[in-house]
C-alpha atoms as a PDB file:
ATOM      1  CA  PHE A   1      -7.763  -4.097  -0.373  1.00  0.00           C
ATOM      2  CA  SER A   2      -6.939  -2.759  -3.785  1.00  0.00           C
ATOM      3  CA  LEU A   3      -3.521  -1.107  -3.681  1.00  0.00           C
ATOM      4  CA  CYS A   4      -1.705  -4.428  -3.301  1.00  0.00           C
ATOM      5  CA  VAL A   5      -2.803  -5.630  -6.761  1.00  0.00           C
ATOM      6  CA  MET A   6      -1.496  -2.503  -8.501  1.00  0.00           C
ATOM      7  CA  GLY A   7       2.175  -3.094  -7.734  1.00  0.00           C
ATOM      8  CA  ASN A   8       4.294  -0.463  -6.022  1.00  0.00           C
ATOM      9  CA  GLU A   9       4.287   2.119  -8.816  1.00  0.00           C
ATOM     10  CA  GLY A  10       0.581   1.691  -9.522  1.00  0.00           C
ATOM     11  CA  ALA A  11      -0.245   2.067  -5.830  1.00  0.00           C
ATOM     12  CA  LYS A  12       1.825   5.265  -5.597  1.00  0.00           C
ATOM     13  CA  LYS A  13       0.028   6.722  -8.620  1.00  0.00           C
ATOM     14  CA  CYS A  14      -3.348   5.756  -7.159  1.00  0.00           C
ATOM     15  CA  ILE A  15      -2.549   7.470  -3.833  1.00  0.00           C
ATOM     16  CA  GLU A  16      -1.483  10.615  -5.706  1.00  0.00           C
ATOM     17  CA  GLU A  17      -4.725  10.555  -7.689  1.00  0.00           C
ATOM     18  CA  MET A  18      -6.809  10.142  -4.516  1.00  0.00           C
ATOM     19  CA  ALA A  19      -4.965  13.072  -2.925  1.00  0.00           C
ATOM     20  CA  GLY A  20      -5.764  15.174  -5.979  1.00  0.00           C
ATOM     21  CA  VAL A  21      -9.515  14.577  -5.916  1.00  0.00           C
ATOM     22  CA  VAL A  22     -10.381  14.509  -2.218  1.00  0.00           C
ATOM     23  CA  LYS A  23     -11.668  17.756  -0.706  1.00  0.00           C
ATOM     24  CA  PRO A  24      -9.192  19.550   1.595  1.00  0.00           C
ATOM     25  CA  SER A  25     -11.292  18.562   4.614  1.00  0.00           C
ATOM     26  CA  GLY A  26     -12.133  15.126   3.201  1.00  0.00           C
ATOM     27  CA  LYS A  27     -10.906  11.694   4.219  1.00  0.00           C
ATOM     28  CA  ILE A  28      -9.740   8.676   2.292  1.00  0.00           C
ATOM     29  CA  LEU A  29     -10.383   5.448   4.152  1.00  0.00           C
ATOM     30  CA  LEU A  30      -8.163   2.515   3.265  1.00  0.00           C
ATOM     31  CA  VAL A  31      -8.137  -1.050   4.521  1.00  0.00           C
ATOM     32  CA  GLU A  32      -4.985  -2.473   3.000  1.00  0.00           C
ATOM     33  CA  ASN A  33      -2.493  -5.275   3.248  1.00  0.00           C
ATOM     34  CA  THR A  34       0.790  -3.696   4.272  1.00  0.00           C
ATOM     35  CA  ARG A  35       4.264  -4.693   5.397  1.00  0.00           C
ATOM     36  CA  SER A  36       4.374  -5.741   9.042  1.00  0.00           C
ATOM     37  CA  SER A  37       6.244  -3.600  11.555  1.00  0.00           C
ATOM     38  CA  ASN A  38       7.326  -6.848  13.251  1.00  0.00           C
ATOM     39  CA  PRO A  39      10.872  -7.431  11.897  1.00  0.00           C
ATOM     40  CA  LEU A  40      10.519 -11.210  11.666  1.00  0.00           C
ATOM     41  CA  LEU A  41       7.135 -11.124   9.941  1.00  0.00           C
ATOM     42  CA  GLY A  42       8.238  -8.237   7.695  1.00  0.00           C
ATOM     43  CA  SER A  43      11.271 -10.249   6.581  1.00  0.00           C
ATOM     44  CA  TYR A  44       9.044 -13.246   5.866  1.00  0.00           C
ATOM     45  CA  GLN A  45       6.746 -11.029   3.798  1.00  0.00           C
ATOM     46  CA  ASP A  46       9.714  -9.649   1.872  1.00  0.00           C
ATOM     47  CA  LEU A  47      10.954 -13.161   1.092  1.00  0.00           C
ATOM     48  CA  THR A  48       7.591 -14.561   0.005  1.00  0.00           C
ATOM     49  CA  ALA A  49       5.577 -11.648  -1.435  1.00  0.00           C
ATOM     50  CA  SER A  50       6.621 -12.027  -5.072  1.00  0.00           C
ATOM     51  CA  SER A  51       6.083 -15.779  -5.112  1.00  0.00           C
ATOM     52  CA  ALA A  52       2.752 -15.505  -3.320  1.00  0.00           C
ATOM     53  CA  ALA A  53       1.565 -12.849  -5.774  1.00  0.00           C
ATOM     54  CA  ASP A  54       2.557 -15.017  -8.741  1.00  0.00           C
ATOM     55  CA  LEU A  55       1.296 -18.341  -7.394  1.00  0.00           C
ATOM     56  CA  GLY A  56      -2.312 -17.652  -6.536  1.00  0.00           C
ATOM     57  CA  GLY A  57      -2.271 -14.326  -4.723  1.00  0.00           C
ATOM     58  CA  LYS A  58      -3.923 -12.711  -7.759  1.00  0.00           C
ATOM     59  CA  GLY A  59      -1.020 -10.278  -8.028  1.00  0.00           C
ATOM     60  CA  CYS A  60      -1.336  -8.967  -4.479  1.00  0.00           C
ATOM     61  CA  VAL A  61       2.026  -7.653  -3.252  1.00  0.00           C
ATOM     62  CA  TYR A  62       1.390  -7.925   0.476  1.00  0.00           C
ATOM     63  CA  ASN A  63       4.644  -6.413   1.681  1.00  0.00           C
ATOM     64  CA  GLN A  64       4.018  -2.903   0.343  1.00  0.00           C
ATOM     65  CA  ASN A  65       4.621  -0.202   2.914  1.00  0.00           C
ATOM     66  CA  VAL A  66       1.376   1.703   2.324  1.00  0.00           C
ATOM     67  CA  GLY A  67       2.014   4.077   5.234  1.00  0.00           C
ATOM     68  CA  GLU A  68       5.353   5.109   3.750  1.00  0.00           C
ATOM     69  CA  MET A  69       3.753   5.615   0.323  1.00  0.00           C
ATOM     70  CA  ILE A  70       1.123   7.876   1.882  1.00  0.00           C
ATOM     71  CA  ASN A  71       3.688   9.825   3.914  1.00  0.00           C
ATOM     72  CA  LYS A  72       5.761  10.485   0.775  1.00  0.00           C
ATOM     73  CA  SER A  73       2.768  11.699  -1.238  1.00  0.00           C
ATOM     74  CA  LYS A  74       1.823  15.359  -1.449  1.00  0.00           C
ATOM     75  CA  GLY A  75      -1.413  16.688  -0.038  1.00  0.00           C
ATOM     76  CA  ILE A  76      -2.340  13.682   2.081  1.00  0.00           C
ATOM     77  CA  ARG A  77      -1.531  12.681   5.662  1.00  0.00           C
ATOM     78  CA  LEU A  78      -1.805   9.375   7.429  1.00  0.00           C
ATOM     79  CA  GLU A  79      -3.981   8.831  10.487  1.00  0.00           C
ATOM     80  CA  LYS A  80      -4.046   5.483  12.229  1.00  0.00           C
END
């Protein structure tokens, strides 16, 4: 649960760095907060994420779309 506290740009950079150091046959295992695929819950996350991060969430941006970040990165693929 670490990408959420790095903000969107920091998380993207971290994913790129992980992709650069993992062996070609290696795996990166992530357990992350991510934006819900449920439209209602996702909208709620979008509305409240900034406030929650600022007001006691220790900076965690819980509506990041981690799967999308991974899919847009080079040299890494997402498995669920």
